[in-house]
PDB file of all heavy atoms in Angstrom:
ATOM      1  N   ASN A   1      -8.686  -6.567 -25.783  1.00  0.00           N
ATOM      2  CA  ASN A   1      -9.801  -5.797 -25.258  1.00  0.00           C
ATOM      3  C   ASN A   1      -9.661  -5.573 -23.753  1.00  0.00           C
ATOM      4  O   ASN A   1     -10.608  -5.715 -22.992  1.00  0.00           O
ATOM      5  CB  ASN A   1     -11.129  -6.495 -25.579  1.00  0.00           C
ATOM      6  CG  ASN A   1     -11.387  -6.529 -27.063  1.00  0.00           C
ATOM      7  OD1 ASN A   1     -11.254  -5.520 -27.739  1.00  0.00           O
ATOM      8  ND2 ASN A   1     -11.740  -7.683 -27.574  1.00  0.00           N
ATOM      9  N   LEU A   2      -8.460  -5.213 -23.333  1.00  0.00           N
ATOM     10  CA  LEU A   2      -8.163  -4.944 -21.930  1.00  0.00           C
ATOM     11  C   LEU A   2      -8.960  -3.736 -21.439  1.00  0.00           C
ATOM     12  O   LEU A   2      -9.015  -2.711 -22.117  1.00  0.00           O
ATOM     13  CB  LEU A   2      -6.664  -4.660 -21.800  1.00  0.00           C
ATOM     14  CG  LEU A   2      -6.112  -4.428 -20.411  1.00  0.00           C
ATOM     15  CD1 LEU A   2      -5.973  -5.765 -19.701  1.00  0.00           C
ATOM     16  CD2 LEU A   2      -4.761  -3.758 -20.506  1.00  0.00           C
ATOM     17  N   VAL A   3      -9.613  -3.881 -20.291  1.00  0.00           N
ATOM     18  CA  VAL A   3     -10.377  -2.784 -19.695  1.00  0.00           C
ATOM     19  C   VAL A   3      -9.777  -2.484 -18.323  1.00  0.00           C
ATOM     20  O   VAL A   3      -9.575  -3.397 -17.519  1.00  0.00           O
ATOM     21  CB  VAL A   3     -11.872  -3.147 -19.538  1.00  0.00           C
ATOM     22  CG1 VAL A   3     -12.626  -2.036 -18.833  1.00  0.00           C
ATOM     23  CG2 VAL A   3     -12.492  -3.445 -20.888  1.00  0.00           C
ATOM     24  N   ILE A   4      -9.471  -1.225 -18.090  1.00  0.00           N
ATOM     25  CA  ILE A   4      -8.936  -0.801 -16.800  1.00  0.00           C
ATOM     26  C   ILE A   4      -9.889   0.221 -16.207  1.00  0.00           C
ATOM     27  O   ILE A   4     -10.277   1.176 -16.886  1.00  0.00           O
ATOM     28  CB  ILE A   4      -7.529  -0.191 -16.951  1.00  0.00           C
ATOM     29  CG1 ILE A   4      -6.551  -1.256 -17.478  1.00  0.00           C
ATOM     30  CG2 ILE A   4      -7.043   0.394 -15.628  1.00  0.00           C
ATOM     31  CD1 ILE A   4      -5.183  -0.730 -17.818  1.00  0.00           C
ATOM     32  N   SER A   5     -10.283   0.010 -14.964  1.00  0.00           N
ATOM     33  CA  SER A   5     -11.170   0.936 -14.268  1.00  0.00           C
ATOM     34  C   SER A   5     -10.577   1.289 -12.916  1.00  0.00           C
ATOM     35  O   SER A   5      -9.951   0.462 -12.266  1.00  0.00           O
ATOM     36  CB  SER A   5     -12.548   0.306 -14.035  1.00  0.00           C
ATOM     37  OG  SER A   5     -13.201   0.070 -15.248  1.00  0.00           O
ATOM     38  N   ARG A   6     -10.799   2.533 -12.502  1.00  0.00           N
ATOM     39  CA  ARG A   6     -10.428   2.939 -11.146  1.00  0.00           C
ATOM     40  C   ARG A   6     -11.619   2.618 -10.257  1.00  0.00           C
ATOM     41  O   ARG A   6     -12.768   2.834 -10.618  1.00  0.00           O
ATOM     42  CB  ARG A   6     -10.100   4.438 -11.102  1.00  0.00           C
ATOM     43  CG  ARG A   6      -9.570   4.866  -9.736  1.00  0.00           C
ATOM     44  CD  ARG A   6      -9.105   6.307  -9.699  1.00  0.00           C
ATOM     45  NE  ARG A   6     -10.216   7.221  -9.905  1.00  0.00           N
ATOM     46  CZ  ARG A   6     -10.305   8.088 -10.918  1.00  0.00           C
ATOM     47  NH1 ARG A   6      -9.355   8.161 -11.839  1.00  0.00           N
ATOM     48  NH2 ARG A   6     -11.329   8.876 -11.026  1.00  0.00           N
ATOM     49  N   ILE A   7     -11.333   2.071  -9.082  1.00  0.00           N
ATOM     50  CA  ILE A   7     -12.391   1.709  -8.145  1.00  0.00           C
ATOM     51  C   ILE A   7     -12.527   2.815  -7.110  1.00  0.00           C
ATOM     52  O   ILE A   7     -11.568   3.137  -6.408  1.00  0.00           O
ATOM     53  CB  ILE A   7     -12.099   0.366  -7.450  1.00  0.00           C
ATOM     54  CG1 ILE A   7     -11.889  -0.741  -8.491  1.00  0.00           C
ATOM     55  CG2 ILE A   7     -13.230   0.010  -6.485  1.00  0.00           C
ATOM     56  CD1 ILE A   7     -11.360  -2.034  -7.907  1.00  0.00           C
ATOM     57  N   GLU A   8     -13.714   3.392  -7.050  1.00  0.00           N
ATOM     58  CA  GLU A   8     -14.029   4.388  -6.031  1.00  0.00           C
ATOM     59  C   GLU A   8     -15.221   3.866  -5.234  1.00  0.00           C
ATOM     60  O   GLU A   8     -15.781   2.816  -5.549  1.00  0.00           O
ATOM     61  CB  GLU A   8     -14.344   5.734  -6.686  1.00  0.00           C
ATOM     62  CG  GLU A   8     -13.147   6.331  -7.398  1.00  0.00           C
ATOM     63  CD  GLU A   8     -13.401   7.720  -7.946  1.00  0.00           C
ATOM     64  OE1 GLU A   8     -14.530   8.243  -7.817  1.00  0.00           O
ATOM     65  OE2 GLU A   8     -12.457   8.293  -8.518  1.00  0.00           O
ATOM     66  N   PHE A   9     -15.605   4.585  -4.212  1.00  0.00           N
ATOM     67  CA  PHE A   9     -16.718   4.162  -3.368  1.00  0.00           C
ATOM     68  C   PHE A   9     -17.730   5.287  -3.265  1.00  0.00           C
ATOM     69  O   PHE A   9     -17.359   6.450  -3.082  1.00  0.00           O
ATOM     70  CB  PHE A   9     -16.209   3.751  -1.983  1.00  0.00           C
ATOM     71  CG  PHE A   9     -15.289   2.563  -2.049  1.00  0.00           C
ATOM     72  CD1 PHE A   9     -13.915   2.726  -2.197  1.00  0.00           C
ATOM     73  CD2 PHE A   9     -15.805   1.281  -1.988  1.00  0.00           C
ATOM     74  CE1 PHE A   9     -13.072   1.634  -2.288  1.00  0.00           C
ATOM     75  CE2 PHE A   9     -14.961   0.178  -2.072  1.00  0.00           C
ATOM     76  CZ  PHE A   9     -13.590   0.352  -2.225  1.00  0.00           C
ATOM     77  N   ASP A  10     -19.016   4.928  -3.395  1.00  0.00           N
ATOM     78  CA  ASP A  10     -20.062   5.941  -3.291  1.00  0.00           C
ATOM     79  C   ASP A  10     -20.392   6.208  -1.827  1.00  0.00           C
ATOM     80  O   ASP A  10     -19.746   5.664  -0.917  1.00  0.00           O
ATOM     81  CB  ASP A  10     -21.299   5.547  -4.108  1.00  0.00           C
ATOM     82  CG  ASP A  10     -22.027   4.311  -3.579  1.00  0.00           C
ATOM     83  OD1 ASP A  10     -21.752   3.869  -2.431  1.00  0.00           O
ATOM     84  OD2 ASP A  10     -22.875   3.781  -4.306  1.00  0.00           O
ATOM     85  N   GLU A  11     -21.403   7.034  -1.587  1.00  0.00           N
ATOM     86  CA  GLU A  11     -21.762   7.425  -0.218  1.00  0.00           C
ATOM     87  C   GLU A  11     -22.247   6.257   0.632  1.00  0.00           C
ATOM     88  O   GLU A  11     -22.254   6.332   1.867  1.00  0.00           O
ATOM     89  CB  GLU A  11     -22.829   8.535  -0.244  1.00  0.00           C
ATOM     90  CG  GLU A  11     -24.134   8.161  -0.897  1.00  0.00           C
ATOM     91  CD  GLU A  11     -24.119   8.297  -2.424  1.00  0.00           C
ATOM     92  OE1 GLU A  11     -23.147   8.809  -2.991  1.00  0.00           O
ATOM     93  OE2 GLU A  11     -25.100   7.850  -3.035  1.00  0.00           O
ATOM     94  N   ASN A  12     -22.626   5.137  -0.008  1.00  0.00           N
ATOM     95  CA  ASN A  12     -23.063   3.942   0.720  1.00  0.00           C
ATOM     96  C   ASN A  12     -21.944   2.921   0.887  1.00  0.00           C
ATOM     97  O   ASN A  12     -22.163   1.824   1.376  1.00  0.00           O
ATOM     98  CB  ASN A  12     -24.245   3.285  -0.003  1.00  0.00           C
ATOM     99  CG  ASN A  12     -25.442   4.190  -0.074  1.00  0.00           C
ATOM    100  OD1 ASN A  12     -25.770   4.885   0.888  1.00  0.00           O
ATOM    101  ND2 ASN A  12     -26.099   4.216  -1.217  1.00  0.00           N
ATOM    102  N   GLY A  13     -20.745   3.287   0.454  1.00  0.00           N
ATOM    103  CA  GLY A  13     -19.618   2.374   0.551  1.00  0.00           C
ATOM    104  C   GLY A  13     -19.582   1.332  -0.551  1.00  0.00           C
ATOM    105  O   GLY A  13     -18.775   0.409  -0.500  1.00  0.00           O
ATOM    106  N   GLU A  14     -20.444   1.484  -1.555  1.00  0.00           N
ATOM    107  CA  GLU A  14     -20.491   0.545  -2.672  1.00  0.00           C
ATOM    108  C   GLU A  14     -19.406   0.889  -3.689  1.00  0.00           C
ATOM    109  O   GLU A  14     -19.142   2.060  -3.953  1.00  0.00           O
ATOM    110  CB  GLU A  14     -21.862   0.602  -3.363  1.00  0.00           C
ATOM    111  CG  GLU A  14     -23.031   0.250  -2.468  1.00  0.00           C
ATOM    112  CD  GLU A  14     -23.104  -1.225  -2.154  1.00  0.00           C
ATOM    113  OE1 GLU A  14     -22.731  -2.038  -3.028  1.00  0.00           O
ATOM    114  OE2 GLU A  14     -23.527  -1.565  -1.038  1.00  0.00           O
ATOM    115  N   GLU A  15     -18.801  -0.133  -4.266  1.00  0.00           N
ATOM    116  CA  GLU A  15     -17.784   0.099  -5.291  1.00  0.00           C
ATOM    117  C   GLU A  15     -18.411   0.705  -6.530  1.00  0.00           C
ATOM    118  O   GLU A  15     -19.486   0.296  -6.966  1.00  0.00           O
ATOM    119  CB  GLU A  15     -17.107  -1.213  -5.681  1.00  0.00           C
ATOM    120  CG  GLU A  15     -16.232  -1.788  -4.608  1.00  0.00           C
ATOM    121  CD  GLU A  15     -15.556  -3.076  -5.044  1.00  0.00           C
ATOM    122  OE1 GLU A  15     -15.934  -3.661  -6.086  1.00  0.00           O
ATOM    123  OE2 GLU A  15     -14.645  -3.515  -4.337  1.00  0.00           O
ATOM    124  N   VAL A  16     -17.700   1.677  -7.089  1.00  0.00           N
ATOM    125  CA  VAL A  16     -18.096   2.299  -8.343  1.00  0.00           C
ATOM    126  C   VAL A  16     -16.872   2.265  -9.246  1.00  0.00           C
ATOM    127  O   VAL A  16     -15.786   2.662  -8.839  1.00  0.00           O
ATOM    128  CB  VAL A  16     -18.550   3.766  -8.119  1.00  0.00           C
ATOM    129  CG1 VAL A  16     -18.914   4.420  -9.427  1.00  0.00           C
ATOM    130  CG2 VAL A  16     -19.701   3.825  -7.127  1.00  0.00           C
ATOM    131  N   TYR A  17     -17.061   1.769 -10.453  1.00  0.00           N
ATOM    132  CA  TYR A  17     -15.964   1.675 -11.405  1.00  0.00           C
ATOM    133  C   TYR A  17     -16.022   2.874 -12.347  1.00  0.00           C
ATOM    134  O   TYR A  17     -17.033   3.097 -12.998  1.00  0.00           O
ATOM    135  CB  TYR A  17     -16.043   0.364 -12.187  1.00  0.00           C
ATOM    136  CG  TYR A  17     -15.848  -0.834 -11.291  1.00  0.00           C
ATOM    137  CD1 TYR A  17     -16.909  -1.381 -10.569  1.00  0.00           C
ATOM    138  CD2 TYR A  17     -14.598  -1.405 -11.139  1.00  0.00           C
ATOM    139  CE1 TYR A  17     -16.723  -2.467  -9.731  1.00  0.00           C
ATOM    140  CE2 TYR A  17     -14.396  -2.491 -10.312  1.00  0.00           C
ATOM    141  CZ  TYR A  17     -15.465  -3.017  -9.610  1.00  0.00           C
ATOM    142  OH  TYR A  17     -15.279  -4.085  -8.771  1.00  0.00           O
ATOM    143  N   VAL A  18     -14.930   3.639 -12.388  1.00  0.00           N
ATOM    144  CA  VAL A  18     -14.887   4.844 -13.215  1.00  0.00           C
ATOM    145  C   VAL A  18     -13.664   4.787 -14.131  1.00  0.00           C
ATOM    146  O   VAL A  18     -12.688   4.080 -13.863  1.00  0.00           O
ATOM    147  CB  VAL A  18     -14.845   6.132 -12.351  1.00  0.00           C
ATOM    148  CG1 VAL A  18     -16.094   6.257 -11.500  1.00  0.00           C
ATOM    149  CG2 VAL A  18     -13.619   6.150 -11.466  1.00  0.00           C
ATOM    150  N   ALA A  19     -13.734   5.559 -15.194  1.00  0.00           N
ATOM    151  CA  ALA A  19     -12.620   5.602 -16.142  1.00  0.00           C
ATOM    152  C   ALA A  19     -11.414   6.268 -15.488  1.00  0.00           C
ATOM    153  O   ALA A  19     -11.539   7.309 -14.846  1.00  0.00           O
ATOM    154  CB  ALA A  19     -13.034   6.371 -17.386  1.00  0.00           C
ATOM    155  N   PRO A  20     -10.239   5.672 -15.640  1.00  0.00           N
ATOM    156  CA  PRO A  20      -9.028   6.291 -15.111  1.00  0.00           C
ATOM    157  C   PRO A  20      -8.583   7.436 -16.020  1.00  0.00           C
ATOM    158  O   PRO A  20      -9.018   7.529 -17.173  1.00  0.00           O
ATOM    159  CB  PRO A  20      -8.013   5.151 -15.147  1.00  0.00           C
ATOM    160  CG  PRO A  20      -8.461   4.296 -16.286  1.00  0.00           C
ATOM    161  CD  PRO A  20      -9.962   4.387 -16.278  1.00  0.00           C
ATOM    162  N   THR A  21      -7.710   8.275 -15.500  1.00  0.00           N
ATOM    163  CA  THR A  21      -7.097   9.294 -16.347  1.00  0.00           C
ATOM    164  C   THR A  21      -6.169   8.579 -17.335  1.00  0.00           C
ATOM    165  O   THR A  21      -5.836   7.402 -17.156  1.00  0.00           O
ATOM    166  CB  THR A  21      -6.266  10.293 -15.523  1.00  0.00           C
ATOM    167  OG1 THR A  21      -5.162   9.578 -14.927  1.00  0.00           O
ATOM    168  CG2 THR A  21      -7.099  10.977 -14.448  1.00  0.00           C
ATOM    169  N   ASP A  22      -5.745   9.282 -18.359  1.00  0.00           N
ATOM    170  CA  ASP A  22      -4.817   8.687 -19.324  1.00  0.00           C
ATOM    171  C   ASP A  22      -3.540   8.229 -18.638  1.00  0.00           C
ATOM    172  O   ASP A  22      -3.019   7.153 -18.926  1.00  0.00           O
ATOM    173  CB  ASP A  22      -4.475   9.684 -20.433  1.00  0.00           C
ATOM    174  CG  ASP A  22      -5.644   9.950 -21.373  1.00  0.00           C
ATOM    175  OD1 ASP A  22      -6.607   9.153 -21.385  1.00  0.00           O
ATOM    176  OD2 ASP A  22      -5.585  10.963 -22.094  1.00  0.00           O
ATOM    177  N   GLU A  23      -3.041   9.041 -17.707  1.00  0.00           N
ATOM    178  CA  GLU A  23      -1.811   8.693 -16.996  1.00  0.00           C
ATOM    179  C   GLU A  23      -2.008   7.447 -16.136  1.00  0.00           C
ATOM    180  O   GLU A  23      -1.136   6.569 -16.089  1.00  0.00           O
ATOM    181  CB  GLU A  23      -1.337   9.860 -16.124  1.00  0.00           C
ATOM    182  CG  GLU A  23      -0.895  11.082 -16.908  1.00  0.00           C
ATOM    183  CD  GLU A  23      -2.056  11.978 -17.352  1.00  0.00           C
ATOM    184  OE1 GLU A  23      -3.210  11.812 -16.862  1.00  0.00           O
ATOM    185  OE2 GLU A  23      -1.825  12.837 -18.212  1.00  0.00           O
ATOM    186  N   GLU A  24      -3.151   7.359 -15.439  1.00  0.00           N
ATOM    187  CA  GLU A  24      -3.435   6.179 -14.622  1.00  0.00           C
ATOM    188  C   GLU A  24      -3.554   4.941 -15.501  1.00  0.00           C
ATOM    189  O   GLU A  24      -3.016   3.883 -15.170  1.00  0.00           O
ATOM    190  CB  GLU A  24      -4.731   6.370 -13.828  1.00  0.00           C
ATOM    191  CG  GLU A  24      -4.627   7.380 -12.721  1.00  0.00           C
ATOM    192  CD  GLU A  24      -5.966   7.692 -12.086  1.00  0.00           C
ATOM    193  OE1 GLU A  24      -7.010   7.649 -12.787  1.00  0.00           O
ATOM    194  OE2 GLU A  24      -5.972   8.010 -10.887  1.00  0.00           O
ATOM    195  N   PHE A  25      -4.263   5.082 -16.626  1.00  0.00           N
ATOM    196  CA  PHE A  25      -4.435   3.951 -17.535  1.00  0.00           C
ATOM    197  C   PHE A  25      -3.084   3.421 -17.994  1.00  0.00           C
ATOM    198  O   PHE A  25      -2.829   2.210 -17.933  1.00  0.00           O
ATOM    199  CB  PHE A  25      -5.274   4.354 -18.751  1.00  0.00           C
ATOM    200  CG  PHE A  25      -5.468   3.233 -19.731  1.00  0.00           C
ATOM    201  CD1 PHE A  25      -6.533   2.369 -19.600  1.00  0.00           C
ATOM    202  CD2 PHE A  25      -4.572   3.031 -20.772  1.00  0.00           C
ATOM    203  CE1 PHE A  25      -6.712   1.318 -20.495  1.00  0.00           C
ATOM    204  CE2 PHE A  25      -4.732   1.987 -21.673  1.00  0.00           C
ATOM    205  CZ  PHE A  25      -5.803   1.126 -21.527  1.00  0.00           C
ATOM    206  N   GLU A  26      -2.208   4.316 -18.433  1.00  0.00           N
ATOM    207  CA  GLU A  26      -0.894   3.898 -18.914  1.00  0.00           C
ATOM    208  C   GLU A  26      -0.070   3.241 -17.811  1.00  0.00           C
ATOM    209  O   GLU A  26       0.588   2.221 -18.045  1.00  0.00           O
ATOM    210  CB  GLU A  26      -0.156   5.089 -19.505  1.00  0.00           C
ATOM    211  CG  GLU A  26      -0.768   5.569 -20.809  1.00  0.00           C
ATOM    212  CD  GLU A  26      -0.097   6.813 -21.370  1.00  0.00           C
ATOM    213  OE1 GLU A  26       1.025   7.145 -20.937  1.00  0.00           O
ATOM    214  OE2 GLU A  26      -0.712   7.444 -22.246  1.00  0.00           O
ATOM    215  N   ALA A  27      -0.116   3.789 -16.599  1.00  0.00           N
ATOM    216  CA  ALA A  27       0.654   3.226 -15.490  1.00  0.00           C
ATOM    217  C   ALA A  27       0.146   1.834 -15.120  1.00  0.00           C
ATOM    218  O   ALA A  27       0.943   0.906 -14.908  1.00  0.00           O
ATOM    219  CB  ALA A  27       0.589   4.151 -14.277  1.00  0.00           C
ATOM    220  N   VAL A  28      -1.177   1.668 -15.060  1.00  0.00           N
ATOM    221  CA  VAL A  28      -1.743   0.365 -14.709  1.00  0.00           C
ATOM    222  C   VAL A  28      -1.489  -0.638 -15.828  1.00  0.00           C
ATOM    223  O   VAL A  28      -1.134  -1.788 -15.569  1.00  0.00           O
ATOM    224  CB  VAL A  28      -3.252   0.490 -14.387  1.00  0.00           C
ATOM    225  CG1 VAL A  28      -3.889  -0.879 -14.197  1.00  0.00           C
ATOM    226  CG2 VAL A  28      -3.459   1.345 -13.151  1.00  0.00           C
ATOM    227  N   ARG A  29      -1.635  -0.213 -17.082  1.00  0.00           N
ATOM    228  CA  ARG A  29      -1.372  -1.101 -18.214  1.00  0.00           C
ATOM    229  C   ARG A  29       0.082  -1.569 -18.187  1.00  0.00           C
ATOM    230  O   ARG A  29       0.368  -2.755 -18.354  1.00  0.00           O
ATOM    231  CB  ARG A  29      -1.670  -0.400 -19.533  1.00  0.00           C
ATOM    232  CG  ARG A  29      -1.499  -1.346 -20.736  1.00  0.00           C
ATOM    233  CD  ARG A  29      -1.458  -0.623 -22.042  1.00  0.00           C
ATOM    234  NE  ARG A  29      -0.341   0.318 -22.004  1.00  0.00           N
ATOM    235  CZ  ARG A  29      -0.326   1.463 -22.657  1.00  0.00           C
ATOM    236  NH1 ARG A  29      -1.337   1.833 -23.384  1.00  0.00           N
ATOM    237  NH2 ARG A  29       0.722   2.267 -22.574  1.00  0.00           N
ATOM    238  N   ASP A  30       1.009  -0.647 -17.930  1.00  0.00           N
ATOM    239  CA  ASP A  30       2.422  -1.014 -17.862  1.00  0.00           C
ATOM    240  C   ASP A  30       2.683  -2.001 -16.726  1.00  0.00           C
ATOM    241  O   ASP A  30       3.427  -2.974 -16.893  1.00  0.00           O
ATOM    242  CB  ASP A  30       3.298   0.228 -17.691  1.00  0.00           C
ATOM    243  CG  ASP A  30       3.309   1.116 -18.936  1.00  0.00           C
ATOM    244  OD1 ASP A  30       2.865   0.664 -20.018  1.00  0.00           O
ATOM    245  OD2 ASP A  30       3.750   2.275 -18.818  1.00  0.00           O
ATOM    246  N   ALA A  31       2.064  -1.771 -15.570  1.00  0.00           N
ATOM    247  CA  ALA A  31       2.228  -2.675 -14.430  1.00  0.00           C
ATOM    248  C   ALA A  31       1.655  -4.054 -14.760  1.00  0.00           C
ATOM    249  O   ALA A  31       2.258  -5.084 -14.440  1.00  0.00           O
ATOM    250  CB  ALA A  31       1.553  -2.096 -13.193  1.00  0.00           C
ATOM    251  N   TYR A  32       0.508  -4.090 -15.417  1.00  0.00           N
ATOM    252  CA  TYR A  32      -0.113  -5.359 -15.801  1.00  0.00           C
ATOM    253  C   TYR A  32       0.794  -6.117 -16.771  1.00  0.00           C
ATOM    254  O   TYR A  32       1.034  -7.316 -16.605  1.00  0.00           O
ATOM    255  CB  TYR A  32      -1.490  -5.114 -16.429  1.00  0.00           C
ATOM    256  CG  TYR A  32      -2.071  -6.352 -17.054  1.00  0.00           C
ATOM    257  CD1 TYR A  32      -2.645  -7.346 -16.262  1.00  0.00           C
ATOM    258  CD2 TYR A  32      -2.028  -6.556 -18.428  1.00  0.00           C
ATOM    259  CE1 TYR A  32      -3.150  -8.496 -16.830  1.00  0.00           C
ATOM    260  CE2 TYR A  32      -2.529  -7.698 -18.996  1.00  0.00           C
ATOM    261  CZ  TYR A  32      -3.096  -8.666 -18.202  1.00  0.00           C
ATOM    262  OH  TYR A  32      -3.590  -9.808 -18.757  1.00  0.00           O
ATOM    263  N   GLU A  33       1.305  -5.410 -17.786  1.00  0.00           N
ATOM    264  CA  GLU A  33       2.179  -6.059 -18.763  1.00  0.00           C
ATOM    265  C   GLU A  33       3.441  -6.611 -18.101  1.00  0.00           C
ATOM    266  O   GLU A  33       3.909  -7.691 -18.455  1.00  0.00           O
ATOM    267  CB  GLU A  33       2.525  -5.088 -19.887  1.00  0.00           C
ATOM    268  CG  GLU A  33       1.344  -4.807 -20.793  1.00  0.00           C
ATOM    269  CD  GLU A  33       1.605  -3.742 -21.842  1.00  0.00           C
ATOM    270  OE1 GLU A  33       2.678  -3.087 -21.800  1.00  0.00           O
ATOM    271  OE2 GLU A  33       0.738  -3.554 -22.709  1.00  0.00           O
ATOM    272  N   LYS A  34       3.974  -5.888 -17.122  1.00  0.00           N
ATOM    273  CA  LYS A  34       5.148  -6.372 -16.395  1.00  0.00           C
ATOM    274  C   LYS A  34       4.807  -7.643 -15.612  1.00  0.00           C
ATOM    275  O   LYS A  34       5.594  -8.595 -15.590  1.00  0.00           O
ATOM    276  CB  LYS A  34       5.670  -5.285 -15.457  1.00  0.00           C
ATOM    277  CG  LYS A  34       6.922  -5.685 -14.731  1.00  0.00           C
ATOM    278  CD  LYS A  34       7.454  -4.576 -13.850  1.00  0.00           C
ATOM    279  CE  LYS A  34       8.698  -5.044 -13.119  1.00  0.00           C
ATOM    280  NZ  LYS A  34       9.219  -4.045 -12.201  1.00  0.00           N
TER     281      LYS A  34
END
C-alpha cells in the first residue's frame, strides 16, 4: 500500500500533498525500490 505524493506549497508556504503524474510516480517508485 505504498503512497507517493508530490509536495507543493500553498500561498501561505504550507505543504500541500498532491498526486504525482504517472511518470513521476513510476520514477519515485523505482528510486524507492532501488
